[in-house]
Amino acid sequence: KSHQIFREIERNLQDGGEQRLILLVPEQFTLQSERDLIQKLNLPGIMRVEVLSFSRLAYRVFNEVGGLTRTLLNEQGKNMVLRRIIDEVSSDLTIYRKAAQKDGFIEKFSELLADLKQQDILPGQLRESIEDAGEAAIIKQKIHDIELLYEHFNDYLKGRYLDSEDRLNLLIEKIASASILRDARVWVDGFTTFSPQSLKIIDKI
């Protein structure tokens, strides 16, 4: 598939048109994909081709249409916010009250929050799922604690900060207003799977 994509990009470049060509790849593959394009197609540079990840695409869209008024939290900032929230609500936690104080918990919980957002699962949905847990007390306690921290995390960010997943949700809202994708030809390569959030972005493209 990658070979076929490169051949199609090469043909489009040889046609000499002005159509924007975009190769959408995972974040960790952007630099390598740029190198591969230059080497395999024997190009002097990237020219009319842009190699973008979802986050790079978001940057391009926001740069054009605006909308990014909140500060983007990096992973360290996100962990600091989670530590503050855990300290504030620790008395309301059940099964995670002790675990939340242990090394590594915040990093793991940060990953869980990212997964929930990428899967389009909101705190309210977790709250509703408690009713479906039947008599499984441990499951109910876990869901309760996750929902509690998730909701407080979102409340803390509201109007002030964005994490990576919220930035992509904002991209979904703004992408139709940007000119970068109008009349462009887009290839998607290098992904092994797509989250519902990623599929929404591809749908907008």
N, C-alpha and C. Protein backbone atom coordinates (compact mmCIF):
# COMPACT_ATOMS: atom_id res chain seq x y z
N LYS A 1 0.83 -1.21 0.00
CA LYS A 1 0.00 0.00 0.00
C LYS A 1 0.87 1.26 0.00
N SER A 2 1.90 1.27 0.82
CA SER A 2 2.78 2.44 0.87
C SER A 2 3.44 2.67 -0.50
N HIS A 3 3.88 1.57 -1.13
CA HIS A 3 4.50 1.68 -2.45
C HIS A 3 3.52 2.29 -3.45
N GLN A 4 2.27 1.83 -3.42
CA GLN A 4 1.25 2.34 -4.33
C GLN A 4 0.98 3.83 -4.07
N ILE A 5 0.94 4.22 -2.81
CA ILE A 5 0.72 5.62 -2.47
C ILE A 5 1.85 6.49 -3.02
N PHE A 6 3.09 6.04 -2.86
CA PHE A 6 4.22 6.81 -3.37
C PHE A 6 4.17 6.95 -4.90
N ARG A 7 3.75 5.88 -5.58
CA ARG A 7 3.63 5.95 -7.03
C ARG A 7 2.55 6.97 -7.43
N GLU A 8 1.44 6.98 -6.71
CA GLU A 8 0.36 7.91 -7.03
C GLU A 8 0.79 9.35 -6.77
N ILE A 9 1.51 9.57 -5.68
CA ILE A 9 2.02 10.91 -5.40
C ILE A 9 2.99 11.34 -6.49
N GLU A 10 3.84 10.41 -6.93
CA GLU A 10 4.80 10.72 -7.99
C GLU A 10 4.08 11.12 -9.27
N ARG A 11 3.04 10.37 -9.63
CA ARG A 11 2.28 10.71 -10.84
C ARG A 11 1.63 12.08 -10.73
N ASN A 12 1.10 12.37 -9.56
CA ASN A 12 0.47 13.69 -9.36
C ASN A 12 1.49 14.81 -9.46
N LEU A 13 2.71 14.59 -8.96
CA LEU A 13 3.75 15.60 -9.06
C LEU A 13 4.19 15.79 -10.51
N GLN A 14 4.26 14.69 -11.25
CA GLN A 14 4.69 14.77 -12.65
C GLN A 14 3.66 15.49 -13.53
N ASP A 15 2.40 15.45 -13.10
CA ASP A 15 1.35 16.13 -13.87
C ASP A 15 1.53 17.65 -13.85
N GLY A 16 2.28 18.14 -12.86
CA GLY A 16 2.58 19.57 -12.80
C GLY A 16 1.42 20.44 -12.39
N GLY A 17 0.40 19.86 -11.80
CA GLY A 17 -0.74 20.66 -11.37
C GLY A 17 -0.46 21.41 -10.08
N GLU A 18 -1.49 22.08 -9.58
CA GLU A 18 -1.35 22.85 -8.35
C GLU A 18 -2.15 22.25 -7.20
N GLN A 19 -2.72 21.08 -7.43
CA GLN A 19 -3.50 20.43 -6.39
C GLN A 19 -2.63 20.11 -5.18
N ARG A 20 -3.12 20.45 -3.97
CA ARG A 20 -2.38 20.15 -2.75
C ARG A 20 -2.42 18.65 -2.51
N LEU A 21 -1.26 18.06 -2.20
CA LEU A 21 -1.15 16.63 -1.93
C LEU A 21 -0.77 16.45 -0.47
N ILE A 22 -1.53 15.62 0.23
CA ILE A 22 -1.31 15.44 1.67
C ILE A 22 -1.21 13.95 1.98
N LEU A 23 -0.14 13.60 2.69
CA LEU A 23 0.03 12.23 3.19
C LEU A 23 -0.18 12.28 4.70
N LEU A 24 -1.23 11.62 5.18
CA LEU A 24 -1.58 11.62 6.60
C LEU A 24 -1.04 10.34 7.25
N VAL A 25 -0.16 10.51 8.24
CA VAL A 25 0.49 9.37 8.88
C VAL A 25 0.47 9.56 10.40
N PRO A 26 0.76 8.51 11.17
CA PRO A 26 0.87 8.67 12.62
C PRO A 26 1.98 9.65 12.99
N GLU A 27 1.84 10.28 14.14
CA GLU A 27 2.78 11.31 14.59
C GLU A 27 4.23 10.85 14.52
N GLN A 28 4.48 9.62 14.95
CA GLN A 28 5.87 9.15 15.05
C GLN A 28 6.49 8.84 13.68
N PHE A 29 5.68 8.86 12.62
CA PHE A 29 6.19 8.51 11.30
C PHE A 29 6.36 9.71 10.37
N THR A 30 6.06 10.93 10.84
CA THR A 30 6.05 12.07 9.93
C THR A 30 7.44 12.34 9.33
N LEU A 31 8.46 12.39 10.16
CA LEU A 31 9.81 12.69 9.65
C LEU A 31 10.32 11.59 8.73
N GLN A 32 10.09 10.33 9.13
CA GLN A 32 10.54 9.21 8.30
C GLN A 32 9.81 9.20 6.97
N SER A 33 8.52 9.50 6.98
CA SER A 33 7.75 9.51 5.73
C SER A 33 8.23 10.62 4.81
N GLU A 34 8.62 11.77 5.37
CA GLU A 34 9.17 12.85 4.55
C GLU A 34 10.48 12.39 3.90
N ARG A 35 11.32 11.74 4.68
CA ARG A 35 12.60 11.24 4.14
C ARG A 35 12.35 10.21 3.03
N ASP A 36 11.40 9.30 3.29
CA ASP A 36 11.11 8.25 2.31
C ASP A 36 10.61 8.86 1.00
N LEU A 37 9.77 9.87 1.08
CA LEU A 37 9.26 10.52 -0.13
C LEU A 37 10.40 11.12 -0.94
N ILE A 38 11.28 11.83 -0.27
CA ILE A 38 12.39 12.49 -0.96
C ILE A 38 13.33 11.47 -1.59
N GLN A 39 13.63 10.40 -0.84
CA GLN A 39 14.60 9.40 -1.32
C GLN A 39 14.01 8.50 -2.40
N LYS A 40 12.83 7.96 -2.16
CA LYS A 40 12.27 6.98 -3.09
C LYS A 40 11.77 7.62 -4.37
N LEU A 41 11.34 8.88 -4.31
CA LEU A 41 10.86 9.56 -5.51
C LEU A 41 11.93 10.46 -6.11
N ASN A 42 13.12 10.46 -5.47
CA ASN A 42 14.24 11.26 -5.98
C ASN A 42 13.85 12.72 -6.14
N LEU A 43 13.24 13.28 -5.10
CA LEU A 43 12.78 14.67 -5.14
C LEU A 43 13.83 15.59 -4.53
N PRO A 44 13.90 16.82 -5.02
CA PRO A 44 14.82 17.79 -4.41
C PRO A 44 14.31 18.26 -3.04
N GLY A 45 13.03 18.11 -2.83
CA GLY A 45 12.40 18.50 -1.56
C GLY A 45 10.97 17.98 -1.55
N ILE A 46 10.23 18.35 -0.54
CA ILE A 46 8.85 17.86 -0.43
C ILE A 46 7.95 18.50 -1.48
N MET A 47 8.26 19.72 -1.91
CA MET A 47 7.50 20.42 -2.95
C MET A 47 6.03 20.55 -2.59
N ARG A 48 5.15 20.00 -3.43
CA ARG A 48 3.71 20.19 -3.21
C ARG A 48 3.12 19.19 -2.22
N VAL A 49 3.94 18.31 -1.69
CA VAL A 49 3.43 17.27 -0.80
C VAL A 49 3.62 17.69 0.66
N GLU A 50 2.59 17.53 1.45
CA GLU A 50 2.70 17.78 2.87
C GLU A 50 2.48 16.46 3.61
N VAL A 51 3.40 16.14 4.51
CA VAL A 51 3.25 14.97 5.36
C VAL A 51 2.75 15.46 6.71
N LEU A 52 1.55 15.05 7.08
CA LEU A 52 0.91 15.56 8.30
C LEU A 52 0.43 14.42 9.19
N SER A 53 0.53 14.63 10.48
CA SER A 53 -0.16 13.78 11.45
C SER A 53 -1.46 14.48 11.81
N PHE A 54 -2.29 13.85 12.61
CA PHE A 54 -3.52 14.51 13.04
C PHE A 54 -3.20 15.79 13.82
N SER A 55 -2.19 15.76 14.67
CA SER A 55 -1.87 16.95 15.46
C SER A 55 -1.28 18.05 14.59
N ARG A 56 -0.46 17.69 13.59
CA ARG A 56 0.07 18.70 12.66
C ARG A 56 -1.05 19.30 11.83
N LEU A 57 -1.99 18.46 11.43
CA LEU A 57 -3.15 18.96 10.69
C LEU A 57 -3.94 19.94 11.55
N ALA A 58 -4.11 19.61 12.82
CA ALA A 58 -4.82 20.50 13.74
C ALA A 58 -4.12 21.85 13.81
N TYR A 59 -2.79 21.83 13.92
CA TYR A 59 -2.02 23.08 13.98
C TYR A 59 -2.26 23.92 12.73
N ARG A 60 -2.24 23.28 11.56
CA ARG A 60 -2.46 24.01 10.30
C ARG A 60 -3.85 24.61 10.25
N VAL A 61 -4.85 23.84 10.67
CA VAL A 61 -6.23 24.32 10.64
C VAL A 61 -6.42 25.48 11.61
N PHE A 62 -5.94 25.33 12.85
CA PHE A 62 -6.11 26.40 13.84
C PHE A 62 -5.34 27.65 13.43
N ASN A 63 -4.20 27.48 12.79
CA ASN A 63 -3.41 28.61 12.34
C ASN A 63 -4.17 29.42 11.29
N GLU A 64 -5.00 28.74 10.53
CA GLU A 64 -5.77 29.42 9.48
C GLU A 64 -7.08 29.99 9.99
N VAL A 65 -7.85 29.19 10.71
CA VAL A 65 -9.20 29.62 11.07
C VAL A 65 -9.32 30.09 12.51
N GLY A 66 -8.25 29.95 13.31
CA GLY A 66 -8.33 30.36 14.71
C GLY A 66 -9.08 29.33 15.53
N GLY A 67 -9.40 29.72 16.76
CA GLY A 67 -10.17 28.84 17.63
C GLY A 67 -9.38 28.23 18.76
N LEU A 68 -8.04 28.28 18.64
CA LEU A 68 -7.22 27.69 19.69
C LEU A 68 -6.88 28.77 20.72
N THR A 69 -7.85 29.10 21.56
CA THR A 69 -7.67 30.17 22.54
C THR A 69 -7.23 29.64 23.90
N ARG A 70 -7.30 28.33 24.08
CA ARG A 70 -6.89 27.75 25.36
C ARG A 70 -5.48 27.18 25.28
N THR A 71 -4.81 27.15 26.42
CA THR A 71 -3.44 26.64 26.50
C THR A 71 -3.42 25.13 26.35
N LEU A 72 -2.51 24.64 25.53
CA LEU A 72 -2.39 23.19 25.34
C LEU A 72 -1.55 22.61 26.46
N LEU A 73 -2.09 21.60 27.14
CA LEU A 73 -1.38 20.92 28.21
C LEU A 73 -0.50 19.81 27.63
N ASN A 74 0.77 19.81 27.99
CA ASN A 74 1.59 18.65 27.65
C ASN A 74 1.37 17.56 28.69
N GLU A 75 2.06 16.43 28.53
CA GLU A 75 1.82 15.29 29.41
C GLU A 75 2.18 15.62 30.86
N GLN A 76 3.25 16.37 31.04
CA GLN A 76 3.65 16.75 32.39
C GLN A 76 2.60 17.65 33.05
N GLY A 77 2.08 18.60 32.29
CA GLY A 77 1.05 19.48 32.83
C GLY A 77 -0.22 18.72 33.16
N LYS A 78 -0.57 17.76 32.30
CA LYS A 78 -1.75 16.94 32.54
C LYS A 78 -1.60 16.14 33.83
N ASN A 79 -0.42 15.59 34.06
CA ASN A 79 -0.17 14.82 35.28
C ASN A 79 -0.23 15.71 36.52
N MET A 80 0.24 16.94 36.40
CA MET A 80 0.17 17.87 37.53
C MET A 80 -1.28 18.20 37.88
N VAL A 81 -2.11 18.38 36.85
CA VAL A 81 -3.54 18.64 37.09
C VAL A 81 -4.19 17.44 37.77
N LEU A 82 -3.86 16.25 37.29
CA LEU A 82 -4.44 15.04 37.89
C LEU A 82 -4.03 14.89 39.35
N ARG A 83 -2.77 15.20 39.67
CA ARG A 83 -2.31 15.12 41.06
C ARG A 83 -3.11 16.08 41.94
N ARG A 84 -3.34 17.27 41.45
CA ARG A 84 -4.11 18.26 42.21
C ARG A 84 -5.54 17.78 42.43
N ILE A 85 -6.14 17.23 41.39
CA ILE A 85 -7.53 16.76 41.50
C ILE A 85 -7.62 15.59 42.48
N ILE A 86 -6.69 14.66 42.39
CA ILE A 86 -6.70 13.50 43.30
C ILE A 86 -6.60 13.96 44.75
N ASP A 87 -5.74 14.94 45.00
CA ASP A 87 -5.60 15.46 46.36
C ASP A 87 -6.91 16.11 46.84
N GLU A 88 -7.62 16.76 45.92
CA GLU A 88 -8.85 17.46 46.30
C GLU A 88 -10.01 16.51 46.58
N VAL A 89 -10.09 15.41 45.84
CA VAL A 89 -11.27 14.53 45.95
C VAL A 89 -10.93 13.18 46.58
N SER A 90 -9.75 13.06 47.18
CA SER A 90 -9.31 11.75 47.69
C SER A 90 -10.31 11.15 48.69
N SER A 91 -10.97 11.99 49.49
CA SER A 91 -11.92 11.48 50.48
C SER A 91 -13.17 10.88 49.82
N ASP A 92 -13.43 11.24 48.55
CA ASP A 92 -14.60 10.71 47.84
C ASP A 92 -14.27 9.47 47.02
N LEU A 93 -12.99 9.15 46.92
CA LEU A 93 -12.61 7.95 46.18
C LEU A 93 -12.89 6.70 47.01
N THR A 94 -13.10 5.60 46.33
CA THR A 94 -13.38 4.33 47.02
C THR A 94 -12.21 3.38 46.82
N ILE A 95 -12.25 2.59 45.79
CA ILE A 95 -11.24 1.55 45.58
C ILE A 95 -9.87 2.13 45.21
N TYR A 96 -9.84 3.35 44.66
CA TYR A 96 -8.58 3.95 44.24
C TYR A 96 -7.99 4.92 45.26
N ARG A 97 -8.59 5.01 46.45
CA ARG A 97 -8.13 6.00 47.42
C ARG A 97 -6.65 5.80 47.78
N LYS A 98 -6.25 4.55 48.05
CA LYS A 98 -4.85 4.28 48.38
C LYS A 98 -3.99 4.17 47.13
N ALA A 99 -4.54 3.54 46.11
CA ALA A 99 -3.76 3.33 44.88
C ALA A 99 -3.36 4.66 44.24
N ALA A 100 -4.21 5.67 44.38
CA ALA A 100 -3.96 6.97 43.75
C ALA A 100 -2.71 7.65 44.30
N GLN A 101 -2.25 7.22 45.47
CA GLN A 101 -1.07 7.82 46.07
C GLN A 101 0.22 7.10 45.69
N LYS A 102 0.10 6.01 44.98
CA LYS A 102 1.27 5.21 44.63
C LYS A 102 1.93 5.71 43.35
N ASP A 103 3.23 5.45 43.24
CA ASP A 103 3.97 5.83 42.04
C ASP A 103 3.40 5.13 40.82
N GLY A 104 3.28 5.87 39.76
CA GLY A 104 2.82 5.30 38.50
C GLY A 104 1.32 5.39 38.27
N PHE A 105 0.54 5.66 39.34
CA PHE A 105 -0.92 5.69 39.16
C PHE A 105 -1.34 6.82 38.23
N ILE A 106 -0.78 8.01 38.43
CA ILE A 106 -1.19 9.17 37.64
C ILE A 106 -0.89 8.94 36.16
N GLU A 107 0.28 8.40 35.86
CA GLU A 107 0.64 8.15 34.45
C GLU A 107 -0.33 7.16 33.82
N LYS A 108 -0.68 6.10 34.56
CA LYS A 108 -1.62 5.10 34.03
C LYS A 108 -3.02 5.71 33.87
N PHE A 109 -3.42 6.52 34.84
CA PHE A 109 -4.75 7.12 34.75
C PHE A 109 -4.82 8.14 33.61
N SER A 110 -3.72 8.83 33.37
CA SER A 110 -3.66 9.76 32.25
C SER A 110 -3.86 9.02 30.93
N GLU A 111 -3.25 7.84 30.80
CA GLU A 111 -3.43 7.02 29.60
C GLU A 111 -4.89 6.58 29.47
N LEU A 112 -5.51 6.23 30.60
CA LEU A 112 -6.91 5.81 30.59
C LEU A 112 -7.81 6.95 30.12
N LEU A 113 -7.56 8.17 30.62
CA LEU A 113 -8.36 9.32 30.19
C LEU A 113 -8.23 9.55 28.68
N ALA A 114 -7.00 9.41 28.17
CA ALA A 114 -6.78 9.57 26.74
C ALA A 114 -7.59 8.53 25.96
N ASP A 115 -7.57 7.29 26.42
CA ASP A 115 -8.33 6.22 25.75
C ASP A 115 -9.83 6.52 25.77
N LEU A 116 -10.34 6.96 26.91
CA LEU A 116 -11.76 7.26 27.02
C LEU A 116 -12.17 8.35 26.04
N LYS A 117 -11.35 9.40 25.96
CA LYS A 117 -11.68 10.50 25.04
C LYS A 117 -11.58 10.07 23.59
N GLN A 118 -10.56 9.28 23.27
CA GLN A 118 -10.42 8.81 21.90
C GLN A 118 -11.57 7.90 21.49
N GLN A 119 -12.14 7.19 22.47
CA GLN A 119 -13.27 6.30 22.18
C GLN A 119 -14.61 7.01 22.32
N ASP A 120 -14.58 8.34 22.51
CA ASP A 120 -15.80 9.14 22.64
C ASP A 120 -16.67 8.70 23.82
N ILE A 121 -16.04 8.35 24.91
CA ILE A 121 -16.78 7.95 26.12
C ILE A 121 -16.72 9.12 27.10
N LEU A 122 -17.88 9.63 27.48
CA LEU A 122 -17.98 10.79 28.36
C LEU A 122 -18.24 10.35 29.80
N PRO A 123 -17.98 11.24 30.78
CA PRO A 123 -18.24 10.89 32.18
C PRO A 123 -19.67 10.42 32.43
N GLY A 124 -20.63 11.07 31.78
CA GLY A 124 -22.03 10.68 31.96
C GLY A 124 -22.31 9.26 31.53
N GLN A 125 -21.63 8.80 30.49
CA GLN A 125 -21.80 7.42 30.03
C GLN A 125 -21.25 6.43 31.05
N LEU A 126 -20.15 6.81 31.70
CA LEU A 126 -19.62 5.96 32.76
C LEU A 126 -20.60 5.88 33.92
N ARG A 127 -21.20 7.01 34.24
CA ARG A 127 -22.17 7.05 35.34
C ARG A 127 -23.34 6.13 35.05
N GLU A 128 -23.81 6.16 33.82
CA GLU A 128 -24.92 5.28 33.44
C GLU A 128 -24.52 3.81 33.47
N SER A 129 -23.25 3.53 33.16
CA SER A 129 -22.81 2.14 33.09
C SER A 129 -22.74 1.48 34.47
N ILE A 130 -22.69 2.29 35.54
CA ILE A 130 -22.67 1.73 36.89
C ILE A 130 -23.92 0.90 37.13
N GLU A 131 -25.04 1.35 36.58
CA GLU A 131 -26.31 0.64 36.76
C GLU A 131 -26.28 -0.72 36.08
N ASP A 132 -25.44 -0.86 35.05
CA ASP A 132 -25.37 -2.13 34.32
C ASP A 132 -24.37 -3.10 34.91
N ALA A 133 -23.69 -2.67 35.98
CA ALA A 133 -22.65 -3.51 36.57
C ALA A 133 -23.20 -4.61 37.47
N GLY A 134 -24.53 -4.60 37.67
CA GLY A 134 -25.16 -5.63 38.48
C GLY A 134 -24.67 -5.62 39.91
N GLU A 135 -24.32 -6.80 40.40
CA GLU A 135 -23.89 -6.92 41.79
C GLU A 135 -22.37 -6.83 41.96
N ALA A 136 -21.66 -6.55 40.88
CA ALA A 136 -20.20 -6.50 40.93
C ALA A 136 -19.75 -5.21 41.62
N ALA A 137 -19.58 -5.28 42.93
CA ALA A 137 -19.27 -4.09 43.73
C ALA A 137 -17.93 -3.46 43.33
N ILE A 138 -16.94 -4.30 43.04
CA ILE A 138 -15.62 -3.77 42.69
C ILE A 138 -15.69 -2.98 41.39
N ILE A 139 -16.42 -3.51 40.42
CA ILE A 139 -16.57 -2.81 39.14
C ILE A 139 -17.27 -1.48 39.36
N LYS A 140 -18.30 -1.47 40.19
CA LYS A 140 -19.02 -0.22 40.47
C LYS A 140 -18.11 0.81 41.11
N GLN A 141 -17.27 0.36 42.04
CA GLN A 141 -16.36 1.28 42.71
C GLN A 141 -15.33 1.85 41.73
N LYS A 142 -14.81 0.99 40.87
CA LYS A 142 -13.83 1.46 39.89
C LYS A 142 -14.45 2.49 38.94
N ILE A 143 -15.63 2.18 38.44
CA ILE A 143 -16.30 3.10 37.52
C ILE A 143 -16.62 4.42 38.23
N HIS A 144 -17.05 4.33 39.48
CA HIS A 144 -17.35 5.54 40.26
C HIS A 144 -16.13 6.44 40.37
N ASP A 145 -14.99 5.84 40.72
CA ASP A 145 -13.77 6.62 40.91
C ASP A 145 -13.26 7.20 39.58
N ILE A 146 -13.32 6.40 38.53
CA ILE A 146 -12.88 6.88 37.22
C ILE A 146 -13.75 8.04 36.76
N GLU A 147 -15.06 7.88 36.91
CA GLU A 147 -15.99 8.94 36.49
C GLU A 147 -15.76 10.21 37.30
N LEU A 148 -15.53 10.06 38.60
CA LEU A 148 -15.31 11.21 39.48
C LEU A 148 -14.07 12.01 39.05
N LEU A 149 -12.96 11.32 38.84
CA LEU A 149 -11.72 11.99 38.44
C LEU A 149 -11.83 12.57 37.02
N TYR A 150 -12.47 11.83 36.14
CA TYR A 150 -12.66 12.27 34.75
C TYR A 150 -13.46 13.56 34.70
N GLU A 151 -14.56 13.61 35.45
CA GLU A 151 -15.42 14.79 35.44
C GLU A 151 -14.70 16.00 36.04
N HIS A 152 -14.00 15.79 37.14
CA HIS A 152 -13.26 16.89 37.75
C HIS A 152 -12.13 17.38 36.84
N PHE A 153 -11.51 16.46 36.13
CA PHE A 153 -10.46 16.83 35.19
C PHE A 153 -11.02 17.72 34.09
N ASN A 154 -12.15 17.33 33.52
CA ASN A 154 -12.77 18.14 32.47
C ASN A 154 -13.20 19.50 33.00
N ASP A 155 -13.74 19.53 34.22
CA ASP A 155 -14.16 20.79 34.82
C ASP A 155 -12.98 21.73 35.01
N TYR A 156 -11.84 21.17 35.40
CA TYR A 156 -10.65 21.98 35.63
C TYR A 156 -10.15 22.59 34.31
N LEU A 157 -10.22 21.80 33.23
CA LEU A 157 -9.72 22.28 31.94
C LEU A 157 -10.65 23.28 31.27
N LYS A 158 -11.93 23.20 31.57
CA LYS A 158 -12.95 23.94 30.85
C LYS A 158 -12.62 25.44 30.77
N GLY A 159 -12.55 25.94 29.54
CA GLY A 159 -12.32 27.36 29.32
C GLY A 159 -10.89 27.83 29.49
N ARG A 160 -9.99 26.93 29.97
CA ARG A 160 -8.62 27.36 30.24
C ARG A 160 -7.57 26.55 29.48
N TYR A 161 -7.76 25.23 29.46
CA TYR A 161 -6.73 24.36 28.90
C TYR A 161 -7.34 23.34 27.94
N LEU A 162 -6.46 22.79 27.12
CA LEU A 162 -6.81 21.68 26.22
C LEU A 162 -5.77 20.59 26.39
N ASP A 163 -6.21 19.32 26.43
CA ASP A 163 -5.24 18.24 26.30
C ASP A 163 -5.24 17.80 24.84
N SER A 164 -4.40 16.84 24.52
CA SER A 164 -4.24 16.43 23.11
C SER A 164 -5.55 15.94 22.50
N GLU A 165 -6.33 15.20 23.29
CA GLU A 165 -7.58 14.65 22.78
C GLU A 165 -8.63 15.74 22.56
N ASP A 166 -8.68 16.72 23.46
CA ASP A 166 -9.62 17.83 23.27
C ASP A 166 -9.24 18.66 22.04
N ARG A 167 -7.94 18.76 21.80
CA ARG A 167 -7.50 19.52 20.61
C ARG A 167 -8.00 18.85 19.34
N LEU A 168 -7.98 17.52 19.30
CA LEU A 168 -8.48 16.82 18.11
C LEU A 168 -9.99 16.93 17.98
N ASN A 169 -10.70 17.00 19.12
CA ASN A 169 -12.14 17.24 19.05
C ASN A 169 -12.43 18.63 18.49
N LEU A 170 -11.58 19.60 18.86
CA LEU A 170 -11.73 20.95 18.30
C LEU A 170 -11.43 20.94 16.82
N LEU A 171 -10.47 20.12 16.39
CA LEU A 171 -10.17 19.98 14.97
C LEU A 171 -11.39 19.49 14.21
N ILE A 172 -12.10 18.52 14.78
CA ILE A 172 -13.31 17.99 14.14
C ILE A 172 -14.33 19.10 13.90
N GLU A 173 -14.42 20.03 14.85
CA GLU A 173 -15.36 21.14 14.72
C GLU A 173 -14.92 22.15 13.66
N LYS A 174 -13.60 22.39 13.56
CA LYS A 174 -13.10 23.50 12.75
C LYS A 174 -12.67 23.11 11.34
N ILE A 175 -12.47 21.82 11.09
CA ILE A 175 -11.80 21.39 9.86
C ILE A 175 -12.55 21.81 8.60
N ALA A 176 -13.89 21.86 8.67
CA ALA A 176 -14.68 22.22 7.48
C ALA A 176 -14.48 23.67 7.08
N SER A 177 -14.02 24.50 8.01
CA SER A 177 -13.85 25.93 7.73
C SER A 177 -12.49 26.25 7.12
N ALA A 178 -11.58 25.27 7.12
CA ALA A 178 -10.22 25.52 6.64
C ALA A 178 -10.11 25.22 5.15
N SER A 179 -9.23 25.96 4.48
CA SER A 179 -9.06 25.77 3.04
C SER A 179 -8.02 24.71 2.70
N ILE A 180 -7.24 24.27 3.70
CA ILE A 180 -6.13 23.36 3.44
C ILE A 180 -6.56 22.07 2.76
N LEU A 181 -7.79 21.62 3.02
CA LEU A 181 -8.24 20.35 2.46
C LEU A 181 -9.14 20.51 1.23
N ARG A 182 -9.48 21.74 0.91
CA ARG A 182 -10.36 21.95 -0.25
C ARG A 182 -9.61 21.60 -1.53
N ASP A 183 -10.18 20.74 -2.32
CA ASP A 183 -9.60 20.30 -3.59
C ASP A 183 -8.25 19.59 -3.41
N ALA A 184 -7.94 19.18 -2.20
CA ALA A 184 -6.69 18.46 -1.97
C ALA A 184 -6.89 16.97 -2.22
N ARG A 185 -5.78 16.29 -2.46
CA ARG A 185 -5.82 14.84 -2.54
C ARG A 185 -5.09 14.31 -1.31
N VAL A 186 -5.74 13.40 -0.59
CA VAL A 186 -5.21 12.93 0.69
C VAL A 186 -5.03 11.42 0.67
N TRP A 187 -3.87 10.97 1.12
CA TRP A 187 -3.61 9.55 1.32
C TRP A 187 -3.42 9.31 2.82
N VAL A 188 -3.83 8.16 3.29
CA VAL A 188 -3.69 7.79 4.70
C VAL A 188 -2.85 6.51 4.76
N ASP A 189 -1.76 6.55 5.54
CA ASP A 189 -0.86 5.40 5.56
C ASP A 189 -0.20 5.28 6.93
N GLY A 190 0.21 4.06 7.27
CA GLY A 190 1.01 3.83 8.47
C GLY A 190 0.23 3.53 9.74
N PHE A 191 -1.10 3.62 9.68
CA PHE A 191 -1.91 3.36 10.86
C PHE A 191 -2.25 1.87 10.94
N THR A 192 -2.25 1.32 12.14
CA THR A 192 -2.67 -0.07 12.32
C THR A 192 -4.12 -0.15 12.79
N THR A 193 -4.61 0.94 13.39
CA THR A 193 -6.01 0.97 13.83
C THR A 193 -6.43 2.43 13.98
N PHE A 194 -7.73 2.66 14.06
CA PHE A 194 -8.25 4.02 14.23
C PHE A 194 -9.23 4.05 15.39
N SER A 195 -9.10 5.05 16.23
CA SER A 195 -10.09 5.27 17.28
C SER A 195 -11.31 5.95 16.66
N PRO A 196 -12.46 5.91 17.34
CA PRO A 196 -13.63 6.65 16.84
C PRO A 196 -13.33 8.12 16.60
N GLN A 197 -12.48 8.71 17.43
CA GLN A 197 -12.11 10.11 17.25
C GLN A 197 -11.35 10.32 15.94
N SER A 198 -10.40 9.41 15.65
CA SER A 198 -9.65 9.49 14.39
C SER A 198 -10.56 9.30 13.19
N LEU A 199 -11.49 8.38 13.30
CA LEU A 199 -12.43 8.12 12.20
C LEU A 199 -13.31 9.35 11.92
N LYS A 200 -13.64 10.10 12.95
CA LYS A 200 -14.42 11.32 12.76
C LYS A 200 -13.62 12.34 11.96
N ILE A 201 -12.32 12.43 12.26
CA ILE A 201 -11.47 13.37 11.51
C ILE A 201 -11.38 12.94 10.06
N ILE A 202 -11.17 11.64 9.82
CA ILE A 202 -11.10 11.13 8.44
C ILE A 202 -12.42 11.37 7.73
N ASP A 203 -13.52 11.19 8.42
CA ASP A 203 -14.84 11.45 7.84
C ASP A 203 -14.96 12.91 7.40
N LYS A 204 -14.47 13.84 8.24
CA LYS A 204 -14.51 15.26 7.89
C LYS A 204 -13.64 15.56 6.68
N ILE A 205 -12.48 14.89 6.61
CA ILE A 205 -11.60 15.06 5.44
C ILE A 205 -12.31 14.61 4.17
